[in-house]
Amino acid sequence: MSMLDMAKQWARKIRRDVVALWIAARDPRVPWYAKATAGAVAAYALSPVDLIPDFIPIIGYLDDLLIVPVGIMLAVKLVPADLMQEFREEAMRREKPVSKAGLAFMIALWALAAVALIWLFWPKPA
């Protein structure tokens, strides 16, 4: 198996696990702490807006290459193994969802950062 084939297979597994975590975050059998982690990771991974935009050299891809996979691994460890297997099977039958909550969170975070920067650098009267 070539390196490219292994990378494609890894990407498919990541995509499947993100959808499985999205399902896990809504299942009543999953403990609350695993739900919270799974929901946050899935919302971020499915959000069309990144915390660090990809156009920023090097660190723009940091979240895609490090933060998201580490978050997925943590969330998968928190969900009981038998349930995670069930969610993975369900994820393979479903379409990839889009996280509107993740989008709203990222927009709110960027807006908050913009307000904080404006407040910090706005000229203050003497």
C-alpha atoms as a PDB file:
ATOM      1  CA  MET A   1       0.000   0.000   0.000  1.00  0.00           C
ATOM      2  CA  SER A   2       1.424   3.357  -1.018  1.00  0.00           C
ATOM      3  CA  MET A   3       1.759   6.340   1.281  1.00  0.00           C
ATOM      4  CA  LEU A   4      -0.977   8.145  -0.663  1.00  0.00           C
ATOM      5  CA  ASP A   5      -3.379   5.217  -0.217  1.00  0.00           C
ATOM      6  CA  MET A   6      -2.651   5.126   3.514  1.00  0.00           C
ATOM      7  CA  ALA A   7      -3.305   8.884   3.781  1.00  0.00           C
ATOM      8  CA  LYS A   8      -6.615   8.522   1.914  1.00  0.00           C
ATOM      9  CA  GLN A   9      -7.662   5.645   4.176  1.00  0.00           C
ATOM     10  CA  TRP A  10      -6.738   7.681   7.273  1.00  0.00           C
ATOM     11  CA  ALA A  11      -8.755  10.654   5.969  1.00  0.00           C
ATOM     12  CA  ARG A  12     -11.799   8.410   5.386  1.00  0.00           C
ATOM     13  CA  LYS A  13     -11.550   7.081   8.948  1.00  0.00           C
ATOM     14  CA  ILE A  14     -11.282  10.612  10.337  1.00  0.00           C
ATOM     15  CA  ARG A  15     -14.337  11.702   8.338  1.00  0.00           C
ATOM     16  CA  ARG A  16     -16.286   8.631   9.522  1.00  0.00           C
ATOM     17  CA  ASP A  17     -15.275   9.216  13.158  1.00  0.00           C
ATOM     18  CA  VAL A  18     -16.351  12.870  13.022  1.00  0.00           C
ATOM     19  CA  VAL A  19     -19.824  11.829  11.874  1.00  0.00           C
ATOM     20  CA  ALA A  20     -19.848   9.051  14.499  1.00  0.00           C
ATOM     21  CA  LEU A  21     -18.988  11.612  17.184  1.00  0.00           C
ATOM     22  CA  TRP A  22     -21.781  13.869  15.913  1.00  0.00           C
ATOM     23  CA  ILE A  23     -24.150  10.925  16.403  1.00  0.00           C
ATOM     24  CA  ALA A  24     -22.628  10.121  19.833  1.00  0.00           C
ATOM     25  CA  ALA A  25     -23.194  13.684  21.039  1.00  0.00           C
ATOM     26  CA  ARG A  26     -26.942  13.172  20.554  1.00  0.00           C
ATOM     27  CA  ASP A  27     -27.261   9.671  22.024  1.00  0.00           C
ATOM     28  CA  PRO A  28     -28.655   9.381  25.582  1.00  0.00           C
ATOM     29  CA  ARG A  29     -26.491   6.312  26.344  1.00  0.00           C
ATOM     30  CA  VAL A  30     -23.258   8.321  26.120  1.00  0.00           C
ATOM     31  CA  PRO A  31     -21.937   9.888  29.383  1.00  0.00           C
ATOM     32  CA  TRP A  32     -22.318  13.669  29.589  1.00  0.00           C
ATOM     33  CA  TYR A  33     -18.562  14.385  29.521  1.00  0.00           C
ATOM     34  CA  ALA A  34     -18.130  12.245  26.397  1.00  0.00           C
ATOM     35  CA  LYS A  35     -21.167  13.961  24.819  1.00  0.00           C
ATOM     36  CA  ALA A  36     -19.707  17.393  25.519  1.00  0.00           C
ATOM     37  CA  THR A  37     -16.307  16.464  24.086  1.00  0.00           C
ATOM     38  CA  ALA A  38     -17.784  14.634  21.087  1.00  0.00           C
ATOM     39  CA  GLY A  39     -20.166  17.514  20.378  1.00  0.00           C
ATOM     40  CA  ALA A  40     -17.435  20.151  20.568  1.00  0.00           C
ATOM     41  CA  VAL A  41     -15.036  18.178  18.374  1.00  0.00           C
ATOM     42  CA  ALA A  42     -17.730  17.316  15.808  1.00  0.00           C
ATOM     43  CA  ALA A  43     -19.059  20.889  15.718  1.00  0.00           C
ATOM     44  CA  TYR A  44     -15.572  22.269  15.121  1.00  0.00           C
ATOM     45  CA  ALA A  45     -14.619  19.624  12.553  1.00  0.00           C
ATOM     46  CA  LEU A  46     -17.889  20.017  10.640  1.00  0.00           C
ATOM     47  CA  SER A  47     -17.887  23.810  10.818  1.00  0.00           C
ATOM     48  CA  PRO A  48     -17.022  25.519   7.539  1.00  0.00           C
ATOM     49  CA  VAL A  49     -15.046  28.155   9.476  1.00  0.00           C
ATOM     50  CA  ASP A  50     -11.673  27.345  11.092  1.00  0.00           C
ATOM     51  CA  LEU A  51     -10.329  28.780  14.330  1.00  0.00           C
ATOM     52  CA  ILE A  52      -7.087  29.497  12.493  1.00  0.00           C
ATOM     53  CA  PRO A  53      -7.815  30.344   8.822  1.00  0.00           C
ATOM     54  CA  ASP A  54      -5.963  28.131   6.331  1.00  0.00           C
ATOM     55  CA  PHE A  55      -4.557  31.112   4.405  1.00  0.00           C
ATOM     56  CA  ILE A  56      -2.199  31.894   7.321  1.00  0.00           C
ATOM     57  CA  PRO A  57       1.096  30.185   6.397  1.00  0.00           C
ATOM     58  CA  ILE A  58       1.984  27.032   8.334  1.00  0.00           C
ATOM     59  CA  ILE A  59      -0.178  27.617  11.443  1.00  0.00           C
ATOM     60  CA  GLY A  60      -3.291  27.826   9.266  1.00  0.00           C
ATOM     61  CA  TYR A  61      -3.134  24.086   8.759  1.00  0.00           C
ATOM     62  CA  LEU A  62      -2.165  23.372  12.373  1.00  0.00           C
ATOM     63  CA  ASP A  63      -5.765  22.828  13.463  1.00  0.00           C
ATOM     64  CA  ASP A  64      -6.441  20.495  10.533  1.00  0.00           C
ATOM     65  CA  LEU A  65      -3.303  18.421  11.116  1.00  0.00           C
ATOM     66  CA  LEU A  66      -3.053  18.446  14.920  1.00  0.00           C
ATOM     67  CA  ILE A  67      -5.974  19.908  16.844  1.00  0.00           C
ATOM     68  CA  VAL A  68      -8.803  18.075  15.056  1.00  0.00           C
ATOM     69  CA  PRO A  69      -7.178  14.591  15.032  1.00  0.00           C
ATOM     70  CA  VAL A  70      -6.133  14.880  18.699  1.00  0.00           C
ATOM     71  CA  GLY A  71      -9.642  16.040  19.635  1.00  0.00           C
ATOM     72  CA  ILE A  72     -11.152  13.142  17.705  1.00  0.00           C
ATOM     73  CA  MET A  73      -8.851  10.625  19.421  1.00  0.00           C
ATOM     74  CA  LEU A  74      -9.738  12.034  22.852  1.00  0.00           C
ATOM     75  CA  ALA A  75     -13.474  11.999  22.161  1.00  0.00           C
ATOM     76  CA  VAL A  76     -13.344   8.454  20.737  1.00  0.00           C
ATOM     77  CA  LYS A  77     -11.574   7.270  23.928  1.00  0.00           C
ATOM     78  CA  LEU A  78     -14.318   8.819  26.089  1.00  0.00           C
ATOM     79  CA  VAL A  79     -17.215   7.165  24.239  1.00  0.00           C
ATOM     80  CA  PRO A  80     -17.755   3.522  25.333  1.00  0.00           C
ATOM     81  CA  ALA A  81     -16.181   1.184  22.731  1.00  0.00           C
ATOM     82  CA  ASP A  82     -19.348  -0.798  21.968  1.00  0.00           C
ATOM     83  CA  LEU A  83     -21.342   2.388  21.392  1.00  0.00           C
ATOM     84  CA  MET A  84     -18.540   3.900  19.290  1.00  0.00           C
ATOM     85  CA  GLN A  85     -18.590   0.852  17.023  1.00  0.00           C
ATOM     86  CA  GLU A  86     -22.357   1.226  16.614  1.00  0.00           C
ATOM     87  CA  PHE A  87     -21.974   4.939  15.826  1.00  0.00           C
ATOM     88  CA  ARG A  88     -19.239   4.214  13.263  1.00  0.00           C
ATOM     89  CA  GLU A  89     -21.518   1.751  11.481  1.00  0.00           C
ATOM     90  CA  GLU A  90     -24.318   4.330  11.485  1.00  0.00           C
ATOM     91  CA  ALA A  91     -21.910   7.026  10.248  1.00  0.00           C
ATOM     92  CA  MET A  92     -21.018   4.942   7.199  1.00  0.00           C
ATOM     93  CA  ARG A  93     -24.706   4.907   6.204  1.00  0.00           C
ATOM     94  CA  ARG A  94     -25.252   8.658   6.683  1.00  0.00           C
ATOM     95  CA  GLU A  95     -24.356  11.764   4.744  1.00  0.00           C
ATOM     96  CA  LYS A  96     -21.811  14.109   6.290  1.00  0.00           C
ATOM     97  CA  PRO A  97     -23.765  16.677   8.341  1.00  0.00           C
ATOM     98  CA  VAL A  98     -22.943  20.375   8.464  1.00  0.00           C
ATOM     99  CA  SER A  99     -22.639  21.932  11.887  1.00  0.00           C
ATOM    100  CA  LYS A 100     -24.573  25.175  12.051  1.00  0.00           C
ATOM    101  CA  ALA A 101     -23.791  25.358  15.778  1.00  0.00           C
ATOM    102  CA  GLY A 102     -20.084  25.069  14.977  1.00  0.00           C
ATOM    103  CA  LEU A 103     -20.398  27.816  12.394  1.00  0.00           C
ATOM    104  CA  ALA A 104     -22.250  30.051  14.861  1.00  0.00           C
ATOM    105  CA  PHE A 105     -19.636  29.373  17.550  1.00  0.00           C
ATOM    106  CA  MET A 106     -16.724  30.205  15.252  1.00  0.00           C
ATOM    107  CA  ILE A 107     -18.408  33.395  14.002  1.00  0.00           C
ATOM    108  CA  ALA A 108     -19.100  34.430  17.612  1.00  0.00           C
ATOM    109  CA  LEU A 109     -15.491  33.691  18.569  1.00  0.00           C
ATOM    110  CA  TRP A 110     -14.132  35.775  15.676  1.00  0.00           C
ATOM    111  CA  ALA A 111     -16.567  38.609  16.482  1.00  0.00           C
ATOM    112  CA  LEU A 112     -15.510  38.540  20.134  1.00  0.00           C
ATOM    113  CA  ALA A 113     -11.841  38.642  19.105  1.00  0.00           C
ATOM    114  CA  ALA A 114     -12.539  41.601  16.800  1.00  0.00           C
ATOM    115  CA  VAL A 115     -14.349  43.509  19.569  1.00  0.00           C
ATOM    116  CA  ALA A 116     -11.507  42.776  22.004  1.00  0.00           C
ATOM    117  CA  LEU A 117      -8.900  44.041  19.523  1.00  0.00           C
ATOM    118  CA  ILE A 118     -10.896  47.186  18.774  1.00  0.00           C
ATOM    119  CA  TRP A 119     -11.322  47.871  22.492  1.00  0.00           C
ATOM    120  CA  LEU A 120      -7.625  47.216  23.141  1.00  0.00           C
ATOM    121  CA  PHE A 121      -6.305  49.456  20.361  1.00  0.00           C
ATOM    122  CA  TRP A 122      -9.003  52.151  20.264  1.00  0.00           C
ATOM    123  CA  PRO A 123      -7.433  55.517  21.153  1.00  0.00           C
ATOM    124  CA  LYS A 124      -8.361  56.517  24.679  1.00  0.00           C
ATOM    125  CA  PRO A 125      -8.938  60.190  25.527  1.00  0.00           C
ATOM    126  CA  ALA A 126      -6.219  61.694  27.695  1.00  0.00           C
END
